[in-house]
């Protein structure tokens, strides 16, 4: 099962976590980022879920990496990410820094690989040739991700430099996965650009991924790719690989929306018929 973008700062979304239950005691739960902004909220959410599911697998979203004024934990960038990893390990939650677990239940065996790959501003509009032009377009349009204020890349000079470092490290680890096993790739941001084509504001796509991961779903034998971030829950296919956007989103997005799949986790394996 997979879910993301719980945003538990909203009371209605916090109740989703309180009410979420597995269909089977052996179920695993993939949490593809954006649980919350404050470390205490993230820890409460993952602890609650880890006590119910046989295994929780977490990949960070951009909101977990924010350093917000109301969070007593004022770590920035890499240091904040490493603290989140420590918290997860204390709860028995798998992170991108741990050996990738193997799901042996229905649809398996398959390697479940939580990834931490950021974005590098390469999902630009057709009229922006550079990152600088792309950012200028976004500011002119009034469509600017809050990451620009709250997601610090320390000790890297920029978020895109941090992204490139994460891509290199993640490629190394994925290349070492048993070539006889398929994978489920879990990343907060979509690994290909195509899902961002439906964004209402195309300028926002630059904060949604990197072209450097465009072939990972085929190169690393993905049976499915799980992601969130866009708040557009749906299933699409690229090169025959199933991409599942599993976000809940903000209450204003899912409340009274008949097209929203519901306040529940979505089945990843076996693939729904």
C-alpha atoms as a PDB file:
ATOM      1  CA  UNK A   1       0.000   0.000   0.000  1.00  0.00           C
ATOM      2  CA  UNK A   2       1.169   3.530  -0.675  1.00  0.00           C
ATOM      3  CA  UNK A   3       0.290   7.006   0.587  1.00  0.00           C
ATOM      4  CA  UNK A   4       1.904  10.449   0.633  1.00  0.00           C
ATOM      5  CA  UNK A   5       1.298  14.134   1.296  1.00  0.00           C
ATOM      6  CA  UNK A   6      -0.480  13.555   4.591  1.00  0.00           C
ATOM      7  CA  UNK A   7       0.220  17.134   5.742  1.00  0.00           C
ATOM      8  CA  UNK A   8      -0.798  16.395   9.318  1.00  0.00           C
ATOM      9  CA  UNK A   9      -0.562  20.058  10.326  1.00  0.00           C
ATOM     10  CA  UNK A  10      -4.188  20.086   9.148  1.00  0.00           C
ATOM     11  CA  UNK A  11      -6.475  18.506  11.757  1.00  0.00           C
ATOM     12  CA  UNK A  12      -8.625  16.760   9.140  1.00  0.00           C
ATOM     13  CA  UNK A  13      -5.509  15.139   7.698  1.00  0.00           C
ATOM     14  CA  UNK A  14      -4.239  14.183  11.141  1.00  0.00           C
ATOM     15  CA  UNK A  15      -7.449  12.211  11.595  1.00  0.00           C
ATOM     16  CA  UNK A  16      -6.631  10.303   8.403  1.00  0.00           C
ATOM     17  CA  UNK A  17      -3.470   8.993  10.086  1.00  0.00           C
ATOM     18  CA  UNK A  18      -5.421   8.202  13.263  1.00  0.00           C
ATOM     19  CA  UNK A  19      -7.954   6.188  11.267  1.00  0.00           C
ATOM     20  CA  UNK A  20      -5.632   4.491   8.760  1.00  0.00           C
ATOM     21  CA  UNK A  21      -5.510   0.696   9.166  1.00  0.00           C
ATOM     22  CA  UNK A  22      -4.056  -2.165   7.084  1.00  0.00           C
ATOM     23  CA  UNK A  23      -6.379  -4.544   5.293  1.00  0.00           C
ATOM     24  CA  UNK A  24      -4.131  -7.414   6.374  1.00  0.00           C
ATOM     25  CA  UNK A  25      -1.690  -7.638   9.311  1.00  0.00           C
ATOM     26  CA  UNK A  26       1.091  -8.484   6.837  1.00  0.00           C
ATOM     27  CA  UNK A  27       0.600  -5.291   4.796  1.00  0.00           C
ATOM     28  CA  UNK A  28       3.497  -2.906   4.265  1.00  0.00           C
ATOM     29  CA  UNK A  29       2.913   0.819   3.934  1.00  0.00           C
ATOM     30  CA  UNK A  30       4.941   3.077   1.640  1.00  0.00           C
ATOM     31  CA  UNK A  31       4.942   6.705   2.801  1.00  0.00           C
ATOM     32  CA  UNK A  32       6.243   8.825  -0.078  1.00  0.00           C
ATOM     33  CA  UNK A  33       6.914  12.060   1.770  1.00  0.00           C
ATOM     34  CA  UNK A  34       5.296  15.269   2.969  1.00  0.00           C
ATOM     35  CA  UNK A  35       4.051  13.836   6.241  1.00  0.00           C
ATOM     36  CA  UNK A  36       4.555  17.223   7.878  1.00  0.00           C
ATOM     37  CA  UNK A  37       6.929  20.070   8.591  1.00  0.00           C
ATOM     38  CA  UNK A  38       7.676  19.785  12.317  1.00  0.00           C
ATOM     39  CA  UNK A  39       9.798  16.884  13.469  1.00  0.00           C
ATOM     40  CA  UNK A  40       7.410  16.035  16.307  1.00  0.00           C
ATOM     41  CA  UNK A  41       4.487  15.696  13.867  1.00  0.00           C
ATOM     42  CA  UNK A  42       6.535  13.531  11.514  1.00  0.00           C
ATOM     43  CA  UNK A  43       7.645  11.270  14.370  1.00  0.00           C
ATOM     44  CA  UNK A  44       4.089  10.940  15.734  1.00  0.00           C
ATOM     45  CA  UNK A  45       2.731  10.019  12.298  1.00  0.00           C
ATOM     46  CA  UNK A  46       5.371   7.431  11.465  1.00  0.00           C
ATOM     47  CA  UNK A  47       5.225   5.932  14.958  1.00  0.00           C
ATOM     48  CA  UNK A  48       1.449   5.603  14.712  1.00  0.00           C
ATOM     49  CA  UNK A  49       1.666   3.914  11.320  1.00  0.00           C
ATOM     50  CA  UNK A  50       4.620   1.667  12.223  1.00  0.00           C
ATOM     51  CA  UNK A  51       2.615   0.231  15.129  1.00  0.00           C
ATOM     52  CA  UNK A  52      -0.111  -0.889  12.722  1.00  0.00           C
ATOM     53  CA  UNK A  53       1.656  -2.020   9.563  1.00  0.00           C
ATOM     54  CA  UNK A  54       4.101  -4.915   9.327  1.00  0.00           C
ATOM     55  CA  UNK A  55       6.646  -2.540   7.761  1.00  0.00           C
ATOM     56  CA  UNK A  56       6.689   1.164   6.931  1.00  0.00           C
ATOM     57  CA  UNK A  57       8.954   2.445   4.157  1.00  0.00           C
ATOM     58  CA  UNK A  58       9.540   6.207   4.059  1.00  0.00           C
ATOM     59  CA  UNK A  59      11.001   8.573   1.484  1.00  0.00           C
ATOM     60  CA  UNK A  60      11.266  12.271   2.414  1.00  0.00           C
ATOM     61  CA  UNK A  61       9.283  15.006   0.767  1.00  0.00           C
ATOM     62  CA  UNK A  62      10.214  18.637   0.537  1.00  0.00           C
ATOM     63  CA  UNK A  63       8.026  19.577   3.537  1.00  0.00           C
ATOM     64  CA  UNK A  64       9.968  17.283   5.896  1.00  0.00           C
ATOM     65  CA  UNK A  65      13.118  19.147   4.849  1.00  0.00           C
ATOM     66  CA  UNK A  66      11.734  22.601   5.615  1.00  0.00           C
ATOM     67  CA  UNK A  67      13.166  24.481   8.593  1.00  0.00           C
ATOM     68  CA  UNK A  68      10.091  26.280   9.898  1.00  0.00           C
ATOM     69  CA  UNK A  69      10.195  28.886  12.689  1.00  0.00           C
ATOM     70  CA  UNK A  70       7.755  26.962  14.929  1.00  0.00           C
ATOM     71  CA  UNK A  71       9.812  23.750  14.910  1.00  0.00           C
ATOM     72  CA  UNK A  72      12.068  23.494  17.995  1.00  0.00           C
ATOM     73  CA  UNK A  73      14.439  21.468  15.788  1.00  0.00           C
ATOM     74  CA  UNK A  74      16.162  24.133  13.700  1.00  0.00           C
ATOM     75  CA  UNK A  75      18.539  21.857  11.796  1.00  0.00           C
ATOM     76  CA  UNK A  76      18.976  22.690   8.121  1.00  0.00           C
ATOM     77  CA  UNK A  77      19.582  20.732   4.942  1.00  0.00           C
ATOM     78  CA  UNK A  78      21.587  17.536   5.206  1.00  0.00           C
ATOM     79  CA  UNK A  79      21.687  17.719   9.014  1.00  0.00           C
ATOM     80  CA  UNK A  80      17.899  17.847   9.165  1.00  0.00           C
ATOM     81  CA  UNK A  81      17.590  14.920   6.766  1.00  0.00           C
ATOM     82  CA  UNK A  82      20.017  12.851   8.849  1.00  0.00           C
ATOM     83  CA  UNK A  83      18.011  13.584  12.011  1.00  0.00           C
ATOM     84  CA  UNK A  84      14.864  12.360  10.243  1.00  0.00           C
ATOM     85  CA  UNK A  85      16.705   9.167   9.295  1.00  0.00           C
ATOM     86  CA  UNK A  86      17.692   8.650  12.942  1.00  0.00           C
ATOM     87  CA  UNK A  87      14.089   9.105  14.048  1.00  0.00           C
ATOM     88  CA  UNK A  88      12.866   6.594  11.464  1.00  0.00           C
ATOM     89  CA  UNK A  89      15.464   4.019  12.439  1.00  0.00           C
ATOM     90  CA  UNK A  90      14.383   4.343  16.058  1.00  0.00           C
ATOM     91  CA  UNK A  91      10.862   3.468  14.942  1.00  0.00           C
ATOM     92  CA  UNK A  92      11.915   0.577  12.684  1.00  0.00           C
ATOM     93  CA  UNK A  93      10.931   2.535   9.568  1.00  0.00           C
ATOM     94  CA  UNK A  94      12.993   1.907   6.414  1.00  0.00           C
ATOM     95  CA  UNK A  95      14.669   4.999   4.914  1.00  0.00           C
ATOM     96  CA  UNK A  96      16.691   5.728   1.757  1.00  0.00           C
ATOM     97  CA  UNK A  97      19.844   5.202   3.838  1.00  0.00           C
ATOM     98  CA  UNK A  98      19.036   1.600   4.795  1.00  0.00           C
ATOM     99  CA  UNK A  99      19.415  -1.660   2.868  1.00  0.00           C
ATOM    100  CA  UNK A 100      16.462  -1.927   0.506  1.00  0.00           C
ATOM    101  CA  UNK A 101      13.922  -4.435   1.878  1.00  0.00           C
ATOM    102  CA  UNK A 102      12.432  -7.219  -0.226  1.00  0.00           C
ATOM    103  CA  UNK A 103       8.666  -7.634  -0.318  1.00  0.00           C
ATOM    104  CA  UNK A 104       7.895 -11.351  -0.569  1.00  0.00           C
ATOM    105  CA  UNK A 105       4.106 -11.135  -0.381  1.00  0.00           C
ATOM    106  CA  UNK A 106       1.616 -11.070  -3.270  1.00  0.00           C
ATOM    107  CA  UNK A 107       3.288  -9.643  -6.367  1.00  0.00           C
ATOM    108  CA  UNK A 108       6.771 -10.353  -4.976  1.00  0.00           C
ATOM    109  CA  UNK A 109       9.568 -10.939  -4.540  1.00  0.00           C
ATOM    110  CA  UNK A 110      10.434  -7.335  -5.336  1.00  0.00           C
ATOM    111  CA  UNK A 111      12.971  -4.871  -3.962  1.00  0.00           C
ATOM    112  CA  UNK A 112      11.272  -1.829  -2.429  1.00  0.00           C
ATOM    113  CA  UNK A 113      13.679   1.092  -2.843  1.00  0.00           C
ATOM    114  CA  UNK A 114      12.865   4.349  -1.026  1.00  0.00           C
ATOM    115  CA  UNK A 115      14.768   7.158  -2.730  1.00  0.00           C
ATOM    116  CA  UNK A 116      15.766  10.659  -1.752  1.00  0.00           C
ATOM    117  CA  UNK A 117      16.242  12.496  -5.023  1.00  0.00           C
ATOM    118  CA  UNK A 118      15.490  16.202  -5.099  1.00  0.00           C
ATOM    119  CA  UNK A 119      14.969  18.469  -8.107  1.00  0.00           C
ATOM    120  CA  UNK A 120      17.360  20.547 -10.189  1.00  0.00           C
ATOM    121  CA  UNK A 121      15.115  22.999 -12.069  1.00  0.00           C
ATOM    122  CA  UNK A 122      15.388  21.001 -15.320  1.00  0.00           C
ATOM    123  CA  UNK A 123      11.602  20.574 -15.628  1.00  0.00           C
ATOM    124  CA  UNK A 124      11.460  24.026 -17.205  1.00  0.00           C
ATOM    125  CA  UNK A 125       8.957  25.590 -19.552  1.00  0.00           C
ATOM    126  CA  UNK A 126       9.812  25.511 -23.251  1.00  0.00           C
ATOM    127  CA  UNK A 127      10.699  29.199 -23.189  1.00  0.00           C
ATOM    128  CA  UNK A 128      13.206  28.980 -20.325  1.00  0.00           C
ATOM    129  CA  UNK A 129      16.679  27.857 -21.394  1.00  0.00           C
ATOM    130  CA  UNK A 130      18.312  28.203 -17.973  1.00  0.00           C
ATOM    131  CA  UNK A 131      17.491  27.844 -14.298  1.00  0.00           C
ATOM    132  CA  UNK A 132      17.727  31.605 -13.917  1.00  0.00           C
ATOM    133  CA  UNK A 133      15.201  32.209 -16.687  1.00  0.00           C
ATOM    134  CA  UNK A 134      12.924  29.544 -15.253  1.00  0.00           C
ATOM    135  CA  UNK A 135      12.959  31.094 -11.794  1.00  0.00           C
ATOM    136  CA  UNK A 136      12.368  34.553 -13.247  1.00  0.00           C
ATOM    137  CA  UNK A 137       9.285  33.261 -15.066  1.00  0.00           C
ATOM    138  CA  UNK A 138       7.954  31.749 -11.847  1.00  0.00           C
ATOM    139  CA  UNK A 139       8.452  34.933  -9.853  1.00  0.00           C
ATOM    140  CA  UNK A 140       6.830  36.991 -12.621  1.00  0.00           C
ATOM    141  CA  UNK A 141       3.847  34.622 -12.615  1.00  0.00           C
ATOM    142  CA  UNK A 142       3.627  34.623  -8.808  1.00  0.00           C
ATOM    143  CA  UNK A 143       4.097  30.827  -8.732  1.00  0.00           C
ATOM    144  CA  UNK A 144       7.022  30.191  -6.398  1.00  0.00           C
ATOM    145  CA  UNK A 145       7.524  27.081  -4.270  1.00  0.00           C
ATOM    146  CA  UNK A 146       7.968  27.741  -0.543  1.00  0.00           C
ATOM    147  CA  UNK A 147      11.136  25.644  -0.761  1.00  0.00           C
ATOM    148  CA  UNK A 148      12.880  28.782  -1.974  1.00  0.00           C
ATOM    149  CA  UNK A 149      12.462  30.194   1.538  1.00  0.00           C
ATOM    150  CA  UNK A 150      12.429  27.154   3.825  1.00  0.00           C
ATOM    151  CA  UNK A 151      14.315  24.244   2.208  1.00  0.00           C
ATOM    152  CA  UNK A 152      17.987  24.937   2.870  1.00  0.00           C
ATOM    153  CA  UNK A 153      20.599  22.840   1.012  1.00  0.00           C
ATOM    154  CA  UNK A 154      23.405  23.119   3.624  1.00  0.00           C
ATOM    155  CA  UNK A 155      26.211  22.182   3.260  1.00  0.00           C
ATOM    156  CA  UNK A 156      25.617  22.204  -0.515  1.00  0.00           C
ATOM    157  CA  UNK A 157      25.612  25.601  -2.213  1.00  0.00           C
ATOM    158  CA  UNK A 158      22.255  25.035  -3.938  1.00  0.00           C
ATOM    159  CA  UNK A 159      19.332  22.614  -3.957  1.00  0.00           C
ATOM    160  CA  UNK A 160      20.293  21.474  -7.452  1.00  0.00           C
ATOM    161  CA  UNK A 161      23.824  20.675  -6.266  1.00  0.00           C
ATOM    162  CA  UNK A 162      22.328  18.603  -3.459  1.00  0.00           C
ATOM    163  CA  UNK A 163      20.115  16.906  -6.049  1.00  0.00           C
ATOM    164  CA  UNK A 164      23.069  15.950  -8.232  1.00  0.00           C
ATOM    165  CA  UNK A 165      24.875  14.457  -5.238  1.00  0.00           C
ATOM    166  CA  UNK A 166      21.788  12.449  -4.289  1.00  0.00           C
ATOM    167  CA  UNK A 167      21.335  11.215  -7.867  1.00  0.00           C
ATOM    168  CA  UNK A 168      24.929   9.953  -8.031  1.00  0.00           C
ATOM    169  CA  UNK A 169      24.678   8.140  -4.675  1.00  0.00           C
ATOM    170  CA  UNK A 170      21.269   6.661  -5.476  1.00  0.00           C
ATOM    171  CA  UNK A 171      22.364   5.421  -8.903  1.00  0.00           C
ATOM    172  CA  UNK A 172      25.289   3.650  -7.265  1.00  0.00           C
ATOM    173  CA  UNK A 173      23.014   1.876  -4.813  1.00  0.00           C
ATOM    174  CA  UNK A 174      20.357   0.927  -7.361  1.00  0.00           C
ATOM    175  CA  UNK A 175      22.998  -0.499  -9.674  1.00  0.00           C
ATOM    176  CA  UNK A 176      23.985  -2.890  -6.889  1.00  0.00           C
ATOM    177  CA  UNK A 177      20.466  -4.365  -6.520  1.00  0.00           C
ATOM    178  CA  UNK A 178      20.135  -8.045  -7.473  1.00  0.00           C
ATOM    179  CA  UNK A 179      19.548  -7.918 -11.262  1.00  0.00           C
ATOM    180  CA  UNK A 180      17.203 -10.904 -10.990  1.00  0.00           C
ATOM    181  CA  UNK A 181      14.698  -8.917  -8.932  1.00  0.00           C
ATOM    182  CA  UNK A 182      12.292  -6.203 -10.072  1.00  0.00           C
ATOM    183  CA  UNK A 183      11.916  -3.059  -7.996  1.00  0.00           C
ATOM    184  CA  UNK A 184       9.324  -0.696  -6.643  1.00  0.00           C
ATOM    185  CA  UNK A 185      10.914   2.750  -6.809  1.00  0.00           C
ATOM    186  CA  UNK A 186       9.600   5.184  -4.203  1.00  0.00           C
ATOM    187  CA  UNK A 187      10.366   8.889  -4.489  1.00  0.00           C
ATOM    188  CA  UNK A 188       8.440  11.942  -3.376  1.00  0.00           C
ATOM    189  CA  UNK A 189       8.964  13.619  -6.752  1.00  0.00           C
ATOM    190  CA  UNK A 190       8.015  11.914 -10.030  1.00  0.00           C
ATOM    191  CA  UNK A 191      11.009  10.278 -11.705  1.00  0.00           C
ATOM    192  CA  UNK A 192       9.852  11.406 -15.151  1.00  0.00           C
ATOM    193  CA  UNK A 193       8.566  14.764 -16.273  1.00  0.00           C
ATOM    194  CA  UNK A 194       5.334  13.607 -17.946  1.00  0.00           C
ATOM    195  CA  UNK A 195       3.129  13.730 -14.807  1.00  0.00           C
ATOM    196  CA  UNK A 196       3.810  17.458 -14.458  1.00  0.00           C
ATOM    197  CA  UNK A 197       2.264  18.179 -17.866  1.00  0.00           C
ATOM    198  CA  UNK A 198      -1.167  18.449 -16.216  1.00  0.00           C
ATOM    199  CA  UNK A 199      -0.141  21.061 -13.637  1.00  0.00           C
ATOM    200  CA  UNK A 200      -2.356  24.129 -13.631  1.00  0.00           C
ATOM    201  CA  UNK A 201       0.755  26.307 -13.388  1.00  0.00           C
ATOM    202  CA  UNK A 202       3.551  24.919 -15.604  1.00  0.00           C
ATOM    203  CA  UNK A 203       6.116  27.155 -13.878  1.00  0.00           C
ATOM    204  CA  UNK A 204       5.810  24.947 -10.780  1.00  0.00           C
ATOM    205  CA  UNK A 205       7.217  21.891 -12.574  1.00  0.00           C
ATOM    206  CA  UNK A 206      10.808  23.015 -11.948  1.00  0.00           C
ATOM    207  CA  UNK A 207      10.351  22.063  -8.259  1.00  0.00           C
ATOM    208  CA  UNK A 208       9.053  18.596  -9.191  1.00  0.00           C
ATOM    209  CA  UNK A 209      12.037  16.488 -10.242  1.00  0.00           C
ATOM    210  CA  UNK A 210      15.077  16.090 -12.441  1.00  0.00           C
ATOM    211  CA  UNK A 211      15.719  14.898 -15.976  1.00  0.00           C
ATOM    212  CA  UNK A 212      18.577  12.811 -14.556  1.00  0.00           C
ATOM    213  CA  UNK A 213      16.118  10.105 -13.425  1.00  0.00           C
ATOM    214  CA  UNK A 214      14.165   9.880 -16.692  1.00  0.00           C
ATOM    215  CA  UNK A 215      15.226   6.292 -17.484  1.00  0.00           C
ATOM    216  CA  UNK A 216      15.369   4.829 -13.993  1.00  0.00           C
ATOM    217  CA  UNK A 217      12.016   3.051 -14.249  1.00  0.00           C
ATOM    218  CA  UNK A 218      13.304   0.960 -17.168  1.00  0.00           C
ATOM    219  CA  UNK A 219      16.983   0.866 -16.246  1.00  0.00           C
ATOM    220  CA  UNK A 220      16.270  -0.462 -12.743  1.00  0.00           C
ATOM    221  CA  UNK A 221      13.465  -2.878 -13.678  1.00  0.00           C
ATOM    222  CA  UNK A 222      10.594  -1.105 -11.942  1.00  0.00           C
ATOM    223  CA  UNK A 223       7.395  -3.089 -11.491  1.00  0.00           C
ATOM    224  CA  UNK A 224       5.902   0.180 -10.212  1.00  0.00           C
ATOM    225  CA  UNK A 225       6.967   3.712  -9.339  1.00  0.00           C
ATOM    226  CA  UNK A 226       5.324   5.366  -6.324  1.00  0.00           C
ATOM    227  CA  UNK A 227       5.406   9.139  -5.907  1.00  0.00           C
ATOM    228  CA  UNK A 228       3.458  12.104  -4.559  1.00  0.00           C
ATOM    229  CA  UNK A 229       4.086  15.868  -4.417  1.00  0.00           C
ATOM    230  CA  UNK A 230       1.724  16.883  -7.229  1.00  0.00           C
ATOM    231  CA  UNK A 231      -1.495  16.360  -5.255  1.00  0.00           C
ATOM    232  CA  UNK A 232      -2.978  14.770  -8.375  1.00  0.00           C
ATOM    233  CA  UNK A 233      -3.621  11.149  -7.326  1.00  0.00           C
ATOM    234  CA  UNK A 234      -3.832   8.896 -10.370  1.00  0.00           C
ATOM    235  CA  UNK A 235      -2.181   5.985 -12.165  1.00  0.00           C
ATOM    236  CA  UNK A 236      -0.353   6.417 -15.470  1.00  0.00           C
ATOM    237  CA  UNK A 237       2.014   4.301 -17.550  1.00  0.00           C
ATOM    238  CA  UNK A 238       5.358   5.184 -19.120  1.00  0.00           C
ATOM    239  CA  UNK A 239       7.236   2.588 -21.167  1.00  0.00           C
ATOM    240  CA  UNK A 240       4.757   0.073 -19.810  1.00  0.00           C
ATOM    241  CA  UNK A 241       5.655   0.835 -16.176  1.00  0.00           C
ATOM    242  CA  UNK A 242       2.890   1.768 -13.741  1.00  0.00           C
ATOM    243  CA  UNK A 243       3.374   5.123 -11.992  1.00  0.00           C
ATOM    244  CA  UNK A 244       1.105   5.633  -8.982  1.00  0.00           C
ATOM    245  CA  UNK A 245       0.661   9.104  -7.485  1.00  0.00           C
ATOM    246  CA  UNK A 246      -0.525   8.351  -3.942  1.00  0.00           C
ATOM    247  CA  UNK A 247      -1.022  11.785  -2.355  1.00  0.00           C
ATOM    248  CA  UNK A 248      -3.828  12.780  -0.031  1.00  0.00           C
ATOM    249  CA  UNK A 249      -3.153  16.515  -0.289  1.00  0.00           C
ATOM    250  CA  UNK A 250      -4.737  19.393   1.586  1.00  0.00           C
ATOM    251  CA  UNK A 251      -8.312  19.143   2.936  1.00  0.00           C
ATOM    252  CA  UNK A 252      -9.497  21.746   0.435  1.00  0.00           C
ATOM    253  CA  UNK A 253      -8.312  19.422  -2.346  1.00  0.00           C
ATOM    254  CA  UNK A 254      -9.857  16.135  -1.236  1.00  0.00           C
ATOM    255  CA  UNK A 255     -12.978  17.331   0.557  1.00  0.00           C
ATOM    256  CA  UNK A 256     -16.088  17.159  -1.636  1.00  0.00           C
ATOM    257  CA  UNK A 257     -14.016  16.147  -4.662  1.00  0.00           C
ATOM    258  CA  UNK A 258     -15.788  13.179  -6.311  1.00  0.00           C
ATOM    259  CA  UNK A 259     -12.738  12.451  -8.494  1.00  0.00           C
ATOM    260  CA  UNK A 260     -10.371  12.041  -5.533  1.00  0.00           C
ATOM    261  CA  UNK A 261      -9.681   8.328  -4.871  1.00  0.00           C
ATOM    262  CA  UNK A 262     -10.298   8.798  -1.161  1.00  0.00           C
ATOM    263  CA  UNK A 263      -8.501   9.276   2.143  1.00  0.00           C
ATOM    264  CA  UNK A 264      -6.881   5.852   1.945  1.00  0.00           C
ATOM    265  CA  UNK A 265      -3.648   4.179   0.950  1.00  0.00           C
ATOM    266  CA  UNK A 266      -3.537   2.802  -2.592  1.00  0.00           C
ATOM    267  CA  UNK A 267      -2.590  -0.764  -3.497  1.00  0.00           C
ATOM    268  CA  UNK A 268       0.810  -1.093  -5.142  1.00  0.00           C
ATOM    269  CA  UNK A 269       1.340  -4.868  -5.251  1.00  0.00           C
ATOM    270  CA  UNK A 270      -0.086  -6.944  -6.645  1.00  0.00           C
ATOM    271  CA  UNK A 271      -1.146  -4.556  -9.384  1.00  0.00           C
ATOM    272  CA  UNK A 272      -4.907  -3.956  -9.186  1.00  0.00           C
ATOM    273  CA  UNK A 273      -6.788  -5.631 -12.022  1.00  0.00           C
END
